[in-house]
């Protein structure tokens, strides 16, 4: 009777324990009444029949979900991350989403814009209407960037048309007349003996023929 692992009339034959192939996912090496398996990558166990779980070490970062494969793994990344192990925070500021000089700050699956003065909105696309508050008191407003401009109605001046122009400043009333300021106009209260819009006309008191019985009327000369 032959010792274990041998056969033949004289027990000269080493039985090949690798026939048939016992190693499921590897290479078999015959021994004496034994064999050993050299497993392919991703497999383990005496017969190389155990798929190694490459997800066991939790290789996916930032909430990525791992799927085990043969000698490999694959990560399904959470929103905002990329890369083989989801280690890269995607830069939502590239390409630049902020308009009109806004400054972009990257977040996780989002970005924020710090808008330049005069602009608003998620991407700074809205030109703020500085005329919305009706800043022009007596005129029409034109919206600019971070500013406004007033076209004043006649008789008003100032950045917001707040000033009633003093039409009496140029002393338009002559011959001692008193000026009364209005809006885009003035009126003159004339001194006795004068008339006209600016008191420029000397009233002819003799025009009504006040002298009776042949008397001759004369008006005094104005000094």
Protein backbone atom coordinates (compact mmCIF):
# COMPACT_ATOMS: atom_id res chain seq x y z
CA UNK A 1 0.00 0.00 0.00
CA UNK A 2 1.43 3.36 -1.09
CA UNK A 3 1.96 6.25 1.24
CA UNK A 4 -0.55 9.07 0.92
CA UNK A 5 0.02 11.08 -2.24
CA UNK A 6 1.69 8.27 -4.20
CA UNK A 7 0.40 5.59 -6.54
CA UNK A 8 1.63 2.98 -9.01
CA UNK A 9 2.93 -0.60 -8.80
CA UNK A 10 6.02 0.58 -7.02
CA UNK A 11 4.47 3.75 -5.54
CA UNK A 12 6.72 5.83 -7.76
CA UNK A 13 4.02 8.19 -9.03
CA UNK A 14 3.26 11.43 -7.14
CA UNK A 15 -0.47 11.87 -7.42
CA UNK A 16 -1.30 15.26 -9.04
CA UNK A 17 -3.70 16.90 -6.61
CA UNK A 18 -4.06 19.80 -9.10
CA UNK A 19 -6.02 17.57 -11.46
CA UNK A 20 -8.82 18.46 -11.82
CA UNK A 21 -8.13 22.18 -11.13
CA UNK A 22 -9.20 22.86 -7.53
CA UNK A 23 -8.25 26.55 -7.54
CA UNK A 24 -11.28 28.57 -8.65
CA UNK A 25 -9.50 31.86 -9.42
CA UNK A 26 -5.81 31.11 -9.24
CA UNK A 27 -2.92 28.82 -10.17
CA UNK A 28 -2.50 25.42 -8.53
CA UNK A 29 0.86 24.05 -7.32
CA UNK A 30 0.98 20.31 -6.65
CA UNK A 31 2.57 18.93 -3.52
CA UNK A 32 2.71 15.53 -1.83
CA UNK A 33 -0.81 14.61 -0.90
CA UNK A 34 -1.54 18.38 -1.03
CA UNK A 35 -1.75 21.43 -3.26
CA UNK A 36 -1.59 25.18 -2.86
CA UNK A 37 -3.35 27.96 -4.75
CA UNK A 38 -1.76 31.24 -5.87
CA UNK A 39 -4.81 33.51 -6.12
CA UNK A 40 -5.40 36.12 -8.78
CA UNK A 41 -5.70 39.77 -7.60
CA UNK A 42 -9.02 40.37 -5.86
CA UNK A 43 -9.44 36.77 -4.67
CA UNK A 44 -8.55 34.97 -1.46
CA UNK A 45 -9.22 31.72 0.39
CA UNK A 46 -7.72 28.20 0.19
CA UNK A 47 -9.39 27.65 -3.16
CA UNK A 48 -9.32 31.34 -4.29
CA UNK A 49 -13.09 31.35 -4.20
CA UNK A 50 -13.58 34.43 -1.97
CA UNK A 51 -13.96 37.82 -3.65
CA UNK A 52 -11.98 40.33 -1.59
CA UNK A 53 -14.19 43.29 -0.61
CA UNK A 54 -12.18 46.35 -1.67
CA UNK A 55 -14.88 48.55 -0.11
CA UNK A 56 -14.15 47.19 3.37
CA UNK A 57 -11.74 50.04 4.12
CA UNK A 58 -14.35 52.67 3.16
CA UNK A 59 -12.14 54.24 0.45
CA UNK A 60 -14.72 56.75 -0.81
CA UNK A 61 -14.41 60.20 0.78
CA UNK A 62 -17.04 62.88 1.40
CA UNK A 63 -20.06 60.61 1.49
CA UNK A 64 -19.28 58.71 -1.71
CA UNK A 65 -20.90 55.27 -2.06
CA UNK A 66 -18.52 52.36 -2.76
CA UNK A 67 -19.30 49.47 -5.12
CA UNK A 68 -17.02 46.44 -4.85
CA UNK A 69 -15.52 44.98 -8.02
CA UNK A 70 -12.91 42.28 -8.72
CA UNK A 71 -9.58 43.66 -7.52
CA UNK A 72 -11.07 47.14 -7.68
CA UNK A 73 -13.82 49.41 -6.42
CA UNK A 74 -15.88 52.29 -7.80
CA UNK A 75 -17.14 55.39 -5.96
CA UNK A 76 -20.42 57.13 -6.72
CA UNK A 77 -19.64 60.64 -5.47
CA UNK A 78 -22.00 62.94 -3.61
CA UNK A 79 -23.00 66.14 -5.42
CA UNK A 80 -20.13 68.62 -5.56
CA UNK A 81 -17.30 66.04 -5.40
CA UNK A 82 -15.30 64.15 -8.03
CA UNK A 83 -12.26 61.90 -8.42
CA UNK A 84 -11.61 58.18 -7.97
CA UNK A 85 -12.20 58.43 -4.22
CA UNK A 86 -14.43 61.57 -4.31
CA UNK A 87 -11.65 63.59 -2.67
CA UNK A 88 -11.92 66.58 -5.01
CA UNK A 89 -14.36 69.42 -4.27
CA UNK A 90 -15.62 70.52 -7.69
CA UNK A 91 -14.90 74.23 -8.26
CA UNK A 92 -18.28 75.72 -9.14
CA UNK A 93 -16.51 79.05 -9.72
CA UNK A 94 -14.90 77.67 -12.89
CA UNK A 95 -15.84 78.97 -15.35
CA UNK A 96 -16.61 82.30 -13.64
CA UNK A 97 -20.40 82.52 -13.09
CA UNK A 98 -20.50 85.97 -11.47
CA UNK A 99 -21.24 88.82 -13.89
CA UNK A 100 -20.41 92.53 -13.83
CA UNK A 101 -17.26 92.23 -11.69
CA UNK A 102 -18.79 90.03 -8.97
CA UNK A 103 -16.38 87.89 -6.92
CA UNK A 104 -17.15 84.14 -6.73
CA UNK A 105 -16.68 81.98 -3.61
CA UNK A 106 -16.78 78.22 -4.15
CA UNK A 107 -18.84 75.97 -1.86
CA UNK A 108 -19.90 72.31 -1.92
CA UNK A 109 -22.09 71.89 -5.00
CA UNK A 110 -22.78 75.63 -4.94
CA UNK A 111 -21.20 79.08 -5.20
CA UNK A 112 -21.92 82.57 -3.94
CA UNK A 113 -21.26 85.90 -5.65
CA UNK A 114 -20.22 89.09 -3.87
CA UNK A 115 -21.61 91.67 -6.26
CA UNK A 116 -19.96 94.94 -7.22
CA UNK A 117 -21.74 98.11 -6.08
CA UNK A 118 -24.89 98.70 -8.10
CA UNK A 119 -25.59 95.05 -8.97
CA UNK A 120 -27.59 92.25 -7.34
CA UNK A 121 -28.91 88.74 -8.03
CA UNK A 122 -27.45 85.25 -7.70
CA UNK A 123 -24.95 85.94 -10.49
CA UNK A 124 -24.88 89.77 -10.14
CA UNK A 125 -26.78 90.11 -13.41
CA UNK A 126 -29.30 92.69 -12.13
CA UNK A 127 -28.49 96.39 -12.34
CA UNK A 128 -30.08 97.86 -9.19
CA UNK A 129 -32.59 100.59 -10.09
CA UNK A 130 -31.46 103.59 -8.04
CA UNK A 131 -34.52 105.45 -9.35
CA UNK A 132 -36.88 103.02 -7.58
CA UNK A 133 -37.13 105.27 -4.52
CA UNK A 134 -38.05 108.33 -6.64
CA UNK A 135 -35.04 110.40 -5.48
CA UNK A 136 -35.67 113.29 -7.90
CA UNK A 137 -38.03 115.64 -6.08
CA UNK A 138 -38.91 117.88 -9.03
CA UNK A 139 -37.66 116.15 -12.17
CA UNK A 140 -37.15 112.90 -14.06
CA UNK A 141 -34.71 110.20 -12.87
CA UNK A 142 -32.26 108.27 -15.11
CA UNK A 143 -30.81 105.07 -13.61
CA UNK A 144 -27.03 104.59 -13.81
CA UNK A 145 -24.70 101.95 -12.31
CA UNK A 146 -24.68 102.52 -8.55
CA UNK A 147 -25.95 106.04 -9.20
CA UNK A 148 -28.76 108.09 -10.69
CA UNK A 149 -29.10 111.39 -12.53
CA UNK A 150 -31.94 113.91 -12.30
CA UNK A 151 -33.19 116.04 -15.20
CA UNK A 152 -34.79 118.88 -13.25
CA UNK A 153 -38.10 120.51 -14.12
CA UNK A 154 -37.90 124.19 -15.10
CA UNK A 155 -37.24 126.33 -12.05
CA UNK A 156 -35.45 123.68 -9.98
CA UNK A 157 -31.80 122.71 -9.47
CA UNK A 158 -29.63 120.49 -7.27
CA UNK A 159 -28.62 116.81 -7.35
CA UNK A 160 -32.19 115.75 -6.54
CA UNK A 161 -33.89 118.88 -7.95
CA UNK A 162 -34.63 119.95 -4.40
CA UNK A 163 -33.77 123.64 -4.85
CA UNK A 164 -36.28 126.18 -6.15
CA UNK A 165 -34.22 128.45 -8.39
CA UNK A 166 -34.46 132.07 -7.19
CA UNK A 167 -35.36 133.98 -10.34
CA UNK A 168 -35.13 137.20 -8.30
CA UNK A 169 -31.39 136.68 -7.74
CA UNK A 170 -30.56 138.62 -10.90
CA UNK A 171 -32.65 141.62 -9.67
CA UNK A 172 -34.83 141.75 -12.79
CA UNK A 173 -37.25 144.41 -11.47
CA UNK A 174 -36.19 147.95 -12.43
CA UNK A 175 -36.94 151.39 -11.06
CA UNK A 176 -37.38 150.32 -7.44
CA UNK A 177 -39.77 147.46 -8.16
CA UNK A 178 -39.96 144.53 -5.70
CA UNK A 179 -39.38 140.99 -7.01
CA UNK A 180 -41.51 138.01 -5.93
CA UNK A 181 -39.99 134.61 -6.76
CA UNK A 182 -42.11 131.84 -8.27
CA UNK A 183 -41.43 128.47 -9.89
CA UNK A 184 -39.52 129.12 -13.11
CA UNK A 185 -40.88 132.68 -13.05
CA UNK A 186 -41.02 135.91 -11.09
CA UNK A 187 -43.35 138.86 -10.75
CA UNK A 188 -42.51 142.49 -10.12
CA UNK A 189 -44.44 144.82 -7.82
CA UNK A 190 -43.65 148.20 -9.35
CA UNK A 191 -43.06 151.46 -7.52
CA UNK A 192 -45.58 154.27 -8.08
CA UNK A 193 -45.34 155.64 -11.60
CA UNK A 194 -43.91 152.53 -13.21
CA UNK A 195 -45.40 149.50 -15.00
CA UNK A 196 -44.45 146.58 -17.21
CA UNK A 197 -43.18 143.04 -16.52
CA UNK A 198 -39.92 144.45 -15.14
CA UNK A 199 -41.27 147.92 -14.19
CA UNK A 200 -39.44 149.33 -17.16
CA UNK A 201 -42.31 151.59 -18.38
CA UNK A 202 -42.80 155.11 -17.00
CA UNK A 203 -46.55 155.60 -16.59
CA UNK A 204 -47.76 158.78 -18.41
CA UNK A 205 -50.03 160.37 -15.81
CA UNK A 206 -50.95 163.12 -18.34
CA UNK A 207 -52.48 160.58 -20.72
CA UNK A 208 -55.82 160.84 -18.92
CA UNK A 209 -55.85 164.71 -19.41
CA UNK A 210 -56.21 165.49 -15.74
CA UNK A 211 -55.71 169.30 -16.15
CA UNK A 212 -58.98 171.16 -16.81
CA UNK A 213 -59.83 174.58 -18.13
CA UNK A 214 -56.90 174.72 -20.53
CA UNK A 215 -54.23 173.70 -18.04
CA UNK A 216 -51.11 172.07 -19.46
CA UNK A 217 -50.07 168.74 -17.85
CA UNK A 218 -46.46 167.80 -17.31
CA UNK A 219 -45.01 164.82 -15.53
CA UNK A 220 -42.07 165.24 -13.24
CA UNK A 221 -38.74 164.05 -14.49
CA UNK A 222 -37.38 160.94 -12.83
CA UNK A 223 -34.10 161.62 -11.10
